[in-house]
Amino acid sequence: MYPHAAAIGVDIGRFFLKTAVVRFDGRLLLRESFQLSEKLTKRNIISSIESALWRTREIAAMNNINPLAVGISTPGFIDHVNGVVLGPDHGIKGWKNVQLASLINHSSGLPVYVGNDANLMTIAEHRFGVARGYNHVVFVALRNGIGGGIIIDGKLYRGVNDTGGEVGMMIVNIPGEDVNGQICCTLEQVASAAAMVKRYLHAKGSAGGNSHILRARNIFDLYTAGDETATRIVRENARFVGIGLANLVSIFAPEIIVIGGGMALAGKFYIDEIRRETFSNSLKYCSKGLKIEQASLGSDASVIGAAWYALSRLDGNRI
């Protein structure tokens, strides 16, 4: 694939649908954002993607850009060979066994390729971001849920049925924890953005009362302002994340761990806390030379990864 070839990357988020036109060399040529309907359904998502692609291609044409393919980043397990979203629905009604590549190919006329969002973020950071040049990479997306991706010997590890890399589902045992009646629970249940909000509200004696308006970023802001409760909750969260990463260090002994997702944007202090907790819980033999860094592509990682993935697949490569 020649470096100036371009594709459209699409990222399906919770509140917004993002598109970008990206060259094969990683250069982002343009980006757009479209608000999604409050009622997330398969029909609404498909319609939003079709409208967003029409608008993005219109703008691209005005700039003499002709995208060759479409890559779509979506949560869930994906049959990436056939471009089918298997599930779970992630709050989108009917978002199971969706022939997404076929549907969008039919409406757009372009080749369409679909990938798991965390995997595509991993690919983007490995190809163009902070993990460029490393052969053994663990990527962790900290957000309302926790996703991830793993690069082994320079290649994305997919595992059986394309289900590898679900780092948020690792079981952790936090002493004294009781989540839904279980002492053992997942990393996502104790360390995600949703978990941070829940723990903060519980500490304030208003569990569930303001969860619809309070976000993890608000708690980080309170931490920065010196709020004692927020400080304790953020440090607890970093400890939980560090324990999870220490498990991954022991299993994979990576060269670099990349922290992405919305929570990674909290700032250097948060990454430093995670780094400290990870190393304090890791075997020094496994963590020797390990780097733990904030993702460098930010919120563009999904669309960059999706577009590059589409061009790579169009060129006959299996990623």
C-alpha atoms as a PDB file:
ATOM      1  CA  MET A   1       0.000   0.000   0.000  1.00  0.00           C
ATOM      2  CA  TYR A   2       1.473   3.360  -1.004  1.00  0.00           C
ATOM      3  CA  PRO A   3       1.851   5.859   1.877  1.00  0.00           C
ATOM      4  CA  HIS A   4      -0.556   8.472   0.482  1.00  0.00           C
ATOM      5  CA  ALA A   5      -3.478   6.058   0.178  1.00  0.00           C
ATOM      6  CA  ALA A   6      -6.265   7.070   2.576  1.00  0.00           C
ATOM      7  CA  ALA A   7      -9.205   5.430   4.298  1.00  0.00           C
ATOM      8  CA  ILE A   8     -12.002   6.572   6.593  1.00  0.00           C
ATOM      9  CA  GLY A   9     -11.802   5.469  10.201  1.00  0.00           C
ATOM     10  CA  VAL A  10     -15.073   5.311  12.172  1.00  0.00           C
ATOM     11  CA  ASP A  11     -15.264   5.084  15.962  1.00  0.00           C
ATOM     12  CA  ILE A  12     -18.565   4.152  17.621  1.00  0.00           C
ATOM     13  CA  GLY A  13     -18.629   5.779  21.056  1.00  0.00           C
ATOM     14  CA  ARG A  14     -21.254   6.072  23.761  1.00  0.00           C
ATOM     15  CA  PHE A  15     -22.391   9.586  22.915  1.00  0.00           C
ATOM     16  CA  PHE A  16     -20.598  10.441  19.664  1.00  0.00           C
ATOM     17  CA  LEU A  17     -19.647   8.849  16.378  1.00  0.00           C
ATOM     18  CA  LYS A  18     -16.244  10.014  15.161  1.00  0.00           C
ATOM     19  CA  THR A  19     -14.799   9.796  11.679  1.00  0.00           C
ATOM     20  CA  ALA A  20     -11.395  10.640  10.281  1.00  0.00           C
ATOM     21  CA  VAL A  21      -9.624  10.362   6.970  1.00  0.00           C
ATOM     22  CA  VAL A  22      -6.198   8.889   7.569  1.00  0.00           C
ATOM     23  CA  ARG A  23      -3.321   8.075   5.235  1.00  0.00           C
ATOM     24  CA  PHE A  24      -1.494   4.760   5.320  1.00  0.00           C
ATOM     25  CA  ASP A  25       1.512   6.556   6.825  1.00  0.00           C
ATOM     26  CA  GLY A  26      -0.668   7.574   9.804  1.00  0.00           C
ATOM     27  CA  ARG A  27      -1.218  11.199   8.857  1.00  0.00           C
ATOM     28  CA  LEU A  28      -4.677  12.362   9.912  1.00  0.00           C
ATOM     29  CA  LEU A  29      -6.100  14.506   7.117  1.00  0.00           C
ATOM     30  CA  LEU A  30      -9.461  15.489   8.599  1.00  0.00           C
ATOM     31  CA  ARG A  31     -11.772  14.537  11.445  1.00  0.00           C
ATOM     32  CA  GLU A  32     -15.458  14.938  12.197  1.00  0.00           C
ATOM     33  CA  SER A  33     -17.707  14.211  15.176  1.00  0.00           C
ATOM     34  CA  PHE A  34     -21.432  13.418  15.132  1.00  0.00           C
ATOM     35  CA  GLN A  35     -23.713  13.229  18.152  1.00  0.00           C
ATOM     36  CA  LEU A  36     -25.538   9.949  18.547  1.00  0.00           C
ATOM     37  CA  SER A  37     -29.186   9.522  19.442  1.00  0.00           C
ATOM     38  CA  GLU A  38     -29.893   9.083  23.139  1.00  0.00           C
ATOM     39  CA  LYS A  39     -31.684   5.854  22.249  1.00  0.00           C
ATOM     40  CA  LEU A  40     -28.921   3.562  21.021  1.00  0.00           C
ATOM     41  CA  THR A  41     -30.275   0.924  18.663  1.00  0.00           C
ATOM     42  CA  LYS A  42     -28.820  -1.051  15.790  1.00  0.00           C
ATOM     43  CA  ARG A  43     -30.930   0.933  13.309  1.00  0.00           C
ATOM     44  CA  ASN A  44     -29.850   4.298  14.736  1.00  0.00           C
ATOM     45  CA  ILE A  45     -26.169   3.329  14.754  1.00  0.00           C
ATOM     46  CA  ILE A  46     -26.241   2.058  11.167  1.00  0.00           C
ATOM     47  CA  SER A  47     -28.071   5.195  10.022  1.00  0.00           C
ATOM     48  CA  SER A  48     -25.573   7.407  11.887  1.00  0.00           C
ATOM     49  CA  ILE A  49     -22.612   5.636  10.281  1.00  0.00           C
ATOM     50  CA  GLU A  50     -24.127   6.015   6.811  1.00  0.00           C
ATOM     51  CA  SER A  51     -24.822   9.734   7.325  1.00  0.00           C
ATOM     52  CA  ALA A  52     -21.370  10.339   8.820  1.00  0.00           C
ATOM     53  CA  LEU A  53     -19.664   8.580   5.918  1.00  0.00           C
ATOM     54  CA  TRP A  54     -21.632  10.586   3.381  1.00  0.00           C
ATOM     55  CA  ARG A  55     -20.638  13.854   5.070  1.00  0.00           C
ATOM     56  CA  THR A  56     -17.003  12.821   5.565  1.00  0.00           C
ATOM     57  CA  ARG A  57     -16.634  11.750   1.938  1.00  0.00           C
ATOM     58  CA  GLU A  58     -18.194  15.038   0.832  1.00  0.00           C
ATOM     59  CA  ILE A  59     -15.631  17.028   2.821  1.00  0.00           C
ATOM     60  CA  ALA A  60     -12.821  14.772   1.627  1.00  0.00           C
ATOM     61  CA  ALA A  61     -13.823  15.351  -1.997  1.00  0.00           C
ATOM     62  CA  MET A  62     -13.705  19.125  -1.451  1.00  0.00           C
ATOM     63  CA  ASN A  63     -10.073  18.597  -0.424  1.00  0.00           C
ATOM     64  CA  ASN A  64      -9.309  16.332  -3.392  1.00  0.00           C
ATOM     65  CA  ILE A  65      -9.087  13.240  -1.169  1.00  0.00           C
ATOM     66  CA  ASN A  66     -10.532   9.929  -2.335  1.00  0.00           C
ATOM     67  CA  PRO A  67     -10.739   7.393   0.530  1.00  0.00           C
ATOM     68  CA  LEU A  68     -10.321   3.807  -0.645  1.00  0.00           C
ATOM     69  CA  ALA A  69     -11.941   1.921   2.228  1.00  0.00           C
ATOM     70  CA  VAL A  70     -13.686   2.191   5.590  1.00  0.00           C
ATOM     71  CA  GLY A  71     -12.515   0.804   8.925  1.00  0.00           C
ATOM     72  CA  ILE A  72     -14.971   0.677  11.825  1.00  0.00           C
ATOM     73  CA  SER A  73     -13.973   0.538  15.475  1.00  0.00           C
ATOM     74  CA  THR A  74     -16.657  -0.865  17.754  1.00  0.00           C
ATOM     75  CA  PRO A  75     -16.874  -2.395  21.228  1.00  0.00           C
ATOM     76  CA  GLY A  76     -17.540  -6.093  21.547  1.00  0.00           C
ATOM     77  CA  PHE A  77     -16.272  -9.363  20.156  1.00  0.00           C
ATOM     78  CA  ILE A  78     -15.752  -9.262  16.405  1.00  0.00           C
ATOM     79  CA  ASP A  79     -15.531 -11.830  13.649  1.00  0.00           C
ATOM     80  CA  HIS A  80     -12.905  -9.668  11.988  1.00  0.00           C
ATOM     81  CA  VAL A  81     -12.580 -11.910   8.920  1.00  0.00           C
ATOM     82  CA  ASN A  82     -16.220 -11.333   7.952  1.00  0.00           C
ATOM     83  CA  GLY A  83     -16.795  -7.994   9.684  1.00  0.00           C
ATOM     84  CA  VAL A  84     -19.514  -9.233  12.026  1.00  0.00           C
ATOM     85  CA  VAL A  85     -20.193  -7.762  15.477  1.00  0.00           C
ATOM     86  CA  LEU A  86     -20.910 -10.819  17.622  1.00  0.00           C
ATOM     87  CA  GLY A  87     -21.771  -9.015  20.872  1.00  0.00           C
ATOM     88  CA  PRO A  88     -22.380  -8.267  23.699  1.00  0.00           C
ATOM     89  CA  ASP A  89     -24.614  -5.310  22.892  1.00  0.00           C
ATOM     90  CA  HIS A  90     -22.863  -2.742  25.159  1.00  0.00           C
ATOM     91  CA  GLY A  91     -26.127  -0.871  25.631  1.00  0.00           C
ATOM     92  CA  ILE A  92     -27.012  -0.814  21.914  1.00  0.00           C
ATOM     93  CA  LYS A  93     -30.334  -2.592  21.320  1.00  0.00           C
ATOM     94  CA  GLY A  94     -29.919  -5.315  18.718  1.00  0.00           C
ATOM     95  CA  TRP A  95     -26.118  -4.982  18.565  1.00  0.00           C
ATOM     96  CA  LYS A  96     -25.454  -8.722  18.310  1.00  0.00           C
ATOM     97  CA  ASN A  97     -24.598 -10.773  15.234  1.00  0.00           C
ATOM     98  CA  VAL A  98     -24.599  -7.580  13.161  1.00  0.00           C
ATOM     99  CA  GLN A  99     -23.284  -7.986   9.596  1.00  0.00           C
ATOM    100  CA  LEU A 100     -21.746  -4.530   9.900  1.00  0.00           C
ATOM    101  CA  ALA A 101     -19.173  -4.731   7.115  1.00  0.00           C
ATOM    102  CA  SER A 102     -21.736  -6.032   4.645  1.00  0.00           C
ATOM    103  CA  LEU A 103     -24.358  -3.435   5.586  1.00  0.00           C
ATOM    104  CA  ILE A 104     -22.028  -0.450   5.291  1.00  0.00           C
ATOM    105  CA  ASN A 105     -20.404  -1.826   2.138  1.00  0.00           C
ATOM    106  CA  HIS A 106     -23.852  -2.037   0.557  1.00  0.00           C
ATOM    107  CA  SER A 107     -24.724   1.585   1.383  1.00  0.00           C
ATOM    108  CA  SER A 108     -21.290   3.148   0.765  1.00  0.00           C
ATOM    109  CA  GLY A 109     -19.908   1.070  -2.093  1.00  0.00           C
ATOM    110  CA  LEU A 110     -16.536   0.940  -0.339  1.00  0.00           C
ATOM    111  CA  PRO A 111     -14.698  -2.061   1.113  1.00  0.00           C
ATOM    112  CA  VAL A 112     -15.445  -2.137   4.861  1.00  0.00           C
ATOM    113  CA  TYR A 113     -13.474  -3.783   7.670  1.00  0.00           C
ATOM    114  CA  VAL A 114     -14.524  -4.022  11.319  1.00  0.00           C
ATOM    115  CA  GLY A 115     -12.387  -4.419  14.432  1.00  0.00           C
ATOM    116  CA  ASN A 116     -12.644  -4.332  18.205  1.00  0.00           C
ATOM    117  CA  ASP A 117     -12.025  -0.789  19.446  1.00  0.00           C
ATOM    118  CA  ALA A 118      -9.323  -1.647  21.996  1.00  0.00           C
ATOM    119  CA  ASN A 119      -7.489  -3.817  19.468  1.00  0.00           C
ATOM    120  CA  LEU A 120      -7.509  -1.016  16.914  1.00  0.00           C
ATOM    121  CA  MET A 121      -6.253   1.457  19.516  1.00  0.00           C
ATOM    122  CA  THR A 122      -3.468  -1.010  20.269  1.00  0.00           C
ATOM    123  CA  ILE A 123      -2.560  -1.236  16.589  1.00  0.00           C
ATOM    124  CA  ALA A 124      -2.504   2.554  16.256  1.00  0.00           C
ATOM    125  CA  GLU A 125      -0.259   3.103  19.273  1.00  0.00           C
ATOM    126  CA  HIS A 126       2.071   0.320  18.119  1.00  0.00           C
ATOM    127  CA  ARG A 127       2.260   1.581  14.552  1.00  0.00           C
ATOM    128  CA  PHE A 128       2.268   5.349  15.066  1.00  0.00           C
ATOM    129  CA  GLY A 129       2.209   6.133  18.785  1.00  0.00           C
ATOM    130  CA  VAL A 130       4.248   5.733  21.936  1.00  0.00           C
ATOM    131  CA  ALA A 131       4.735   1.969  21.389  1.00  0.00           C
ATOM    132  CA  ARG A 132       6.269   2.390  17.949  1.00  0.00           C
ATOM    133  CA  GLY A 133       9.400   0.296  17.598  1.00  0.00           C
ATOM    134  CA  TYR A 134       8.523  -2.154  20.389  1.00  0.00           C
ATOM    135  CA  ASN A 135       7.779  -5.812  19.685  1.00  0.00           C
ATOM    136  CA  HIS A 136       6.152  -6.783  22.994  1.00  0.00           C
ATOM    137  CA  VAL A 137       3.384  -4.415  24.017  1.00  0.00           C
ATOM    138  CA  VAL A 138       0.419  -4.419  26.381  1.00  0.00           C
ATOM    139  CA  PHE A 139      -2.207  -1.733  25.802  1.00  0.00           C
ATOM    140  CA  VAL A 140      -4.841  -0.996  28.431  1.00  0.00           C
ATOM    141  CA  ALA A 141      -7.816   1.277  27.764  1.00  0.00           C
ATOM    142  CA  LEU A 142      -9.135   2.772  31.007  1.00  0.00           C
ATOM    143  CA  ARG A 143     -12.617   4.161  30.535  1.00  0.00           C
ATOM    144  CA  ASN A 144     -16.191   3.281  31.556  1.00  0.00           C
ATOM    145  CA  GLY A 145     -15.080  -0.292  30.992  1.00  0.00           C
ATOM    146  CA  ILE A 146     -11.545  -1.640  30.658  1.00  0.00           C
ATOM    147  CA  GLY A 147     -10.325  -3.063  27.372  1.00  0.00           C
ATOM    148  CA  GLY A 148      -6.951  -3.940  26.016  1.00  0.00           C
ATOM    149  CA  GLY A 149      -4.748  -5.398  23.363  1.00  0.00           C
ATOM    150  CA  ILE A 150      -1.512  -7.365  23.260  1.00  0.00           C
ATOM    151  CA  ILE A 151       1.332  -7.266  20.749  1.00  0.00           C
ATOM    152  CA  ILE A 152       3.632 -10.303  20.735  1.00  0.00           C
ATOM    153  CA  ASP A 153       6.665 -10.389  18.435  1.00  0.00           C
ATOM    154  CA  GLY A 154       5.294  -7.331  16.653  1.00  0.00           C
ATOM    155  CA  LYS A 155       1.895  -8.867  15.874  1.00  0.00           C
ATOM    156  CA  LEU A 156      -1.515  -8.396  17.446  1.00  0.00           C
ATOM    157  CA  TYR A 157      -2.421 -11.398  19.578  1.00  0.00           C
ATOM    158  CA  ARG A 158      -6.036 -12.380  18.929  1.00  0.00           C
ATOM    159  CA  GLY A 159      -6.322 -15.697  20.738  1.00  0.00           C
ATOM    160  CA  VAL A 160      -9.055 -18.233  20.072  1.00  0.00           C
ATOM    161  CA  ASN A 161     -12.146 -16.839  18.308  1.00  0.00           C
ATOM    162  CA  ASP A 162     -10.594 -13.335  18.262  1.00  0.00           C
ATOM    163  CA  THR A 163     -11.263 -12.998  21.997  1.00  0.00           C
ATOM    164  CA  GLY A 164      -7.748 -12.387  23.322  1.00  0.00           C
ATOM    165  CA  GLY A 165      -6.728  -9.210  25.123  1.00  0.00           C
ATOM    166  CA  GLU A 166      -9.757  -8.766  27.392  1.00  0.00           C
ATOM    167  CA  VAL A 167      -7.549  -7.540  30.243  1.00  0.00           C
ATOM    168  CA  GLY A 168     -10.445  -5.928  32.102  1.00  0.00           C
ATOM    169  CA  MET A 169     -11.943  -9.352  32.716  1.00  0.00           C
ATOM    170  CA  MET A 170      -9.004 -10.668  34.727  1.00  0.00           C
ATOM    171  CA  ILE A 171     -10.077 -11.711  38.215  1.00  0.00           C
ATOM    172  CA  VAL A 172      -8.547  -9.710  41.036  1.00  0.00           C
ATOM    173  CA  ASN A 173      -9.070 -10.283  44.741  1.00  0.00           C
ATOM    174  CA  ILE A 174      -9.043  -7.004  46.617  1.00  0.00           C
ATOM    175  CA  PRO A 175      -9.103  -7.796  50.381  1.00  0.00           C
ATOM    176  CA  GLY A 176     -12.368  -6.732  51.958  1.00  0.00           C
ATOM    177  CA  GLU A 177     -14.091  -6.049  48.644  1.00  0.00           C
ATOM    178  CA  ASP A 178     -17.638  -7.242  48.064  1.00  0.00           C
ATOM    179  CA  VAL A 179     -18.935  -6.572  44.565  1.00  0.00           C
ATOM    180  CA  ASN A 180     -22.394  -7.979  43.828  1.00  0.00           C
ATOM    181  CA  GLY A 181     -21.921 -10.517  46.610  1.00  0.00           C
ATOM    182  CA  GLN A 182     -18.610 -11.739  45.228  1.00  0.00           C
ATOM    183  CA  ILE A 183     -15.273 -11.379  46.982  1.00  0.00           C
ATOM    184  CA  CYS A 184     -13.430 -12.130  43.743  1.00  0.00           C
ATOM    185  CA  CYS A 185     -14.251  -9.680  40.999  1.00  0.00           C
ATOM    186  CA  THR A 186     -12.845  -8.358  37.736  1.00  0.00           C
ATOM    187  CA  LEU A 187     -10.410  -5.524  37.255  1.00  0.00           C
ATOM    188  CA  GLU A 188     -13.129  -3.658  35.379  1.00  0.00           C
ATOM    189  CA  GLN A 189     -15.467  -3.906  38.383  1.00  0.00           C
ATOM    190  CA  VAL A 190     -12.997  -2.185  40.693  1.00  0.00           C
ATOM    191  CA  ALA A 191     -10.813   0.018  38.447  1.00  0.00           C
ATOM    192  CA  SER A 192     -12.900   1.393  35.565  1.00  0.00           C
ATOM    193  CA  ALA A 193     -14.241   4.940  35.367  1.00  0.00           C
ATOM    194  CA  ALA A 194     -17.684   3.649  36.350  1.00  0.00           C
ATOM    195  CA  ALA A 195     -16.170   1.913  39.377  1.00  0.00           C
ATOM    196  CA  MET A 196     -14.338   5.086  40.396  1.00  0.00           C
ATOM    197  CA  VAL A 197     -17.574   7.087  40.330  1.00  0.00           C
ATOM    198  CA  LYS A 198     -19.374   4.405  42.320  1.00  0.00           C
ATOM    199  CA  ARG A 199     -16.658   4.316  44.978  1.00  0.00           C
ATOM    200  CA  TYR A 200     -16.600   8.106  45.268  1.00  0.00           C
ATOM    201  CA  LEU A 201     -20.376   8.354  45.666  1.00  0.00           C
ATOM    202  CA  HIS A 202     -20.332   5.559  48.224  1.00  0.00           C
ATOM    203  CA  ALA A 203     -17.622   7.376  50.198  1.00  0.00           C
ATOM    204  CA  LYS A 204     -19.751  10.519  50.132  1.00  0.00           C
ATOM    205  CA  GLY A 205     -22.827   8.611  51.298  1.00  0.00           C
ATOM    206  CA  SER A 206     -24.768   9.183  48.084  1.00  0.00           C
ATOM    207  CA  ALA A 207     -24.318   5.876  46.265  1.00  0.00           C
ATOM    208  CA  GLY A 208     -26.095   5.965  42.917  1.00  0.00           C
ATOM    209  CA  GLY A 209     -27.672   9.344  43.560  1.00  0.00           C
ATOM    210  CA  ASN A 210     -25.543  11.406  41.186  1.00  0.00           C
ATOM    211  CA  SER A 211     -23.991   8.708  39.011  1.00  0.00           C
ATOM    212  CA  HIS A 212     -25.792  10.086  35.957  1.00  0.00           C
ATOM    213  CA  ILE A 213     -24.019  13.462  36.196  1.00  0.00           C
ATOM    214  CA  LEU A 214     -20.727  12.665  37.942  1.00  0.00           C
ATOM    215  CA  ARG A 215     -17.872  11.494  35.727  1.00  0.00           C
ATOM    216  CA  ALA A 216     -14.375  10.204  36.447  1.00  0.00           C
ATOM    217  CA  ARG A 217     -12.962  13.457  35.059  1.00  0.00           C
ATOM    218  CA  ASN A 218     -14.854  15.352  37.770  1.00  0.00           C
ATOM    219  CA  ILE A 219     -13.171  13.227  40.424  1.00  0.00           C
ATOM    220  CA  PHE A 220      -9.764  13.862  38.872  1.00  0.00           C
ATOM    221  CA  ASP A 221     -10.547  17.597  38.952  1.00  0.00           C
ATOM    222  CA  LEU A 222     -11.454  17.305  42.642  1.00  0.00           C
ATOM    223  CA  TYR A 223      -8.181  15.442  43.233  1.00  0.00           C
ATOM    224  CA  THR A 224      -6.257  18.303  41.628  1.00  0.00           C
ATOM    225  CA  ALA A 225      -8.168  20.769  43.809  1.00  0.00           C
ATOM    226  CA  GLY A 226      -7.113  18.865  46.941  1.00  0.00           C
ATOM    227  CA  ASP A 227     -10.380  17.134  47.816  1.00  0.00           C
ATOM    228  CA  GLU A 228      -9.501  14.452  50.396  1.00  0.00           C
ATOM    229  CA  THR A 229     -12.106  11.929  49.301  1.00  0.00           C
ATOM    230  CA  ALA A 230     -11.178  12.300  45.631  1.00  0.00           C
ATOM    231  CA  THR A 231      -7.490  11.942  46.510  1.00  0.00           C
ATOM    232  CA  ARG A 232      -8.149   8.674  48.335  1.00  0.00           C
ATOM    233  CA  ILE A 233     -10.376   7.298  45.554  1.00  0.00           C
ATOM    234  CA  VAL A 234      -7.902   8.178  42.784  1.00  0.00           C
ATOM    235  CA  ARG A 235      -5.043   6.563  44.682  1.00  0.00           C
ATOM    236  CA  GLU A 236      -7.136   3.461  45.341  1.00  0.00           C
ATOM    237  CA  ASN A 237      -7.980   3.299  41.656  1.00  0.00           C
ATOM    238  CA  ALA A 238      -4.311   3.583  40.679  1.00  0.00           C
ATOM    239  CA  ARG A 239      -3.511   0.781  43.126  1.00  0.00           C
ATOM    240  CA  PHE A 240      -6.143  -1.486  41.602  1.00  0.00           C
ATOM    241  CA  VAL A 241      -4.914  -0.712  38.079  1.00  0.00           C
ATOM    242  CA  GLY A 242      -1.331  -1.323  39.186  1.00  0.00           C
ATOM    243  CA  ILE A 243      -2.247  -4.737  40.599  1.00  0.00           C
ATOM    244  CA  GLY A 244      -3.881  -5.658  37.296  1.00  0.00           C
ATOM    245  CA  LEU A 245      -0.868  -4.474  35.305  1.00  0.00           C
ATOM    246  CA  ALA A 246       1.481  -6.378  37.605  1.00  0.00           C
ATOM    247  CA  ASN A 247      -0.386  -9.562  36.671  1.00  0.00           C
ATOM    248  CA  LEU A 248       0.147  -8.771  32.989  1.00  0.00           C
ATOM    249  CA  VAL A 249       3.833  -8.046  33.610  1.00  0.00           C
ATOM    250  CA  SER A 250       4.278 -11.474  35.221  1.00  0.00           C
ATOM    251  CA  ILE A 251       2.521 -13.227  32.343  1.00  0.00           C
ATOM    252  CA  PHE A 252       3.833 -11.336  29.307  1.00  0.00           C
ATOM    253  CA  ALA A 253       6.989  -9.491  30.483  1.00  0.00           C
ATOM    254  CA  PRO A 254       6.337  -6.733  27.931  1.00  0.00           C
ATOM    255  CA  GLU A 255       8.762  -4.019  26.873  1.00  0.00           C
ATOM    256  CA  ILE A 256       6.119  -1.336  27.300  1.00  0.00           C
ATOM    257  CA  ILE A 257       2.636  -0.949  28.768  1.00  0.00           C
ATOM    258  CA  VAL A 258       0.576   1.811  27.191  1.00  0.00           C
ATOM    259  CA  ILE A 259      -2.218   3.403  29.225  1.00  0.00           C
ATOM    260  CA  GLY A 260      -4.977   4.764  27.000  1.00  0.00           C
ATOM    261  CA  GLY A 261      -8.667   5.588  27.192  1.00  0.00           C
ATOM    262  CA  GLY A 262     -10.285   8.649  28.708  1.00  0.00           C
ATOM    263  CA  MET A 263      -8.882   8.105  32.200  1.00  0.00           C
ATOM    264  CA  ALA A 264      -5.311   8.247  30.854  1.00  0.00           C
ATOM    265  CA  LEU A 265      -5.943  11.887  29.976  1.00  0.00           C
ATOM    266  CA  ALA A 266      -6.129  12.746  33.692  1.00  0.00           C
ATOM    267  CA  GLY A 267      -2.467  13.700  33.656  1.00  0.00           C
ATOM    268  CA  LYS A 268       1.064  12.708  34.590  1.00  0.00           C
ATOM    269  CA  PHE A 269       0.248  12.350  38.296  1.00  0.00           C
ATOM    270  CA  TYR A 270      -2.177   9.514  37.547  1.00  0.00           C
ATOM    271  CA  ILE A 271       0.213   7.631  35.270  1.00  0.00           C
ATOM    272  CA  ASP A 272       2.958   8.082  37.889  1.00  0.00           C
ATOM    273  CA  GLU A 273       0.693   6.533  40.562  1.00  0.00           C
ATOM    274  CA  ILE A 274      -0.104   3.578  38.310  1.00  0.00           C
ATOM    275  CA  ARG A 275       3.555   3.148  37.435  1.00  0.00           C
ATOM    276  CA  ARG A 276       4.558   3.095  41.100  1.00  0.00           C
ATOM    277  CA  GLU A 277       1.884   0.567  42.037  1.00  0.00           C
ATOM    278  CA  THR A 278       2.728  -1.676  39.085  1.00  0.00           C
ATOM    279  CA  PHE A 279       6.421  -1.880  39.878  1.00  0.00           C
ATOM    280  CA  SER A 280       5.807  -2.373  43.602  1.00  0.00           C
ATOM    281  CA  ASN A 281       3.663  -5.438  42.808  1.00  0.00           C
ATOM    282  CA  SER A 282       5.831  -6.899  40.032  1.00  0.00           C
ATOM    283  CA  LEU A 283       8.714  -9.342  40.034  1.00  0.00           C
ATOM    284  CA  LYS A 284      11.824  -7.338  39.223  1.00  0.00           C
ATOM    285  CA  TYR A 285      12.980 -10.021  36.787  1.00  0.00           C
ATOM    286  CA  CYS A 286       9.797  -9.622  34.720  1.00  0.00           C
ATOM    287  CA  SER A 287       9.677  -5.821  34.948  1.00  0.00           C
ATOM    288  CA  LYS A 288      13.330  -5.133  34.192  1.00  0.00           C
ATOM    289  CA  GLY A 289      13.518  -2.384  31.583  1.00  0.00           C
ATOM    290  CA  LEU A 290       9.734  -2.047  31.458  1.00  0.00           C
ATOM    291  CA  LYS A 291       8.263   1.287  30.396  1.00  0.00           C
ATOM    292  CA  ILE A 292       4.759   2.384  31.394  1.00  0.00           C
ATOM    293  CA  GLU A 293       3.595   5.323  29.303  1.00  0.00           C
ATOM    294  CA  GLN A 294       0.500   7.347  28.542  1.00  0.00           C
ATOM    295  CA  ALA A 295      -0.897   6.735  25.061  1.00  0.00           C
ATOM    296  CA  SER A 296       0.219   9.462  22.665  1.00  0.00           C
ATOM    297  CA  LEU A 297      -2.622   9.415  20.129  1.00  0.00           C
ATOM    298  CA  GLY A 298      -5.351  10.276  22.627  1.00  0.00           C
ATOM    299  CA  SER A 299      -8.919  10.132  21.367  1.00  0.00           C
ATOM    300  CA  ASP A 300      -7.706   9.738  17.759  1.00  0.00           C
ATOM    301  CA  ALA A 301      -6.281   6.258  18.370  1.00  0.00           C
ATOM    302  CA  SER A 302      -9.471   4.395  17.414  1.00  0.00           C
ATOM    303  CA  VAL A 303     -10.046   6.175  14.101  1.00  0.00           C
ATOM    304  CA  ILE A 304      -6.361   6.053  13.140  1.00  0.00           C
ATOM    305  CA  GLY A 305      -6.202   2.349  13.961  1.00  0.00           C
ATOM    306  CA  ALA A 306      -9.458   1.651  12.118  1.00  0.00           C
ATOM    307  CA  ALA A 307      -8.360   3.468   8.961  1.00  0.00           C
ATOM    308  CA  TRP A 308      -4.907   1.871   8.897  1.00  0.00           C
ATOM    309  CA  TYR A 309      -6.437  -1.532   9.552  1.00  0.00           C
ATOM    310  CA  ALA A 310      -8.800  -1.068   6.595  1.00  0.00           C
ATOM    311  CA  LEU A 311      -5.958  -0.144   4.252  1.00  0.00           C
ATOM    312  CA  SER A 312      -3.869  -3.069   5.464  1.00  0.00           C
ATOM    313  CA  ARG A 313      -6.734  -5.513   4.913  1.00  0.00           C
ATOM    314  CA  LEU A 314      -7.427  -3.940   1.510  1.00  0.00           C
ATOM    315  CA  ASP A 315      -3.787  -4.610   0.649  1.00  0.00           C
ATOM    316  CA  GLY A 316      -4.283  -8.293   1.422  1.00  0.00           C
ATOM    317  CA  ASN A 317      -2.715  -8.387   4.881  1.00  0.00           C
ATOM    318  CA  ARG A 318      -4.201 -10.187   7.879  1.00  0.00           C
ATOM    319  CA  ILE A 319      -3.743  -8.120  11.038  1.00  0.00           C
END
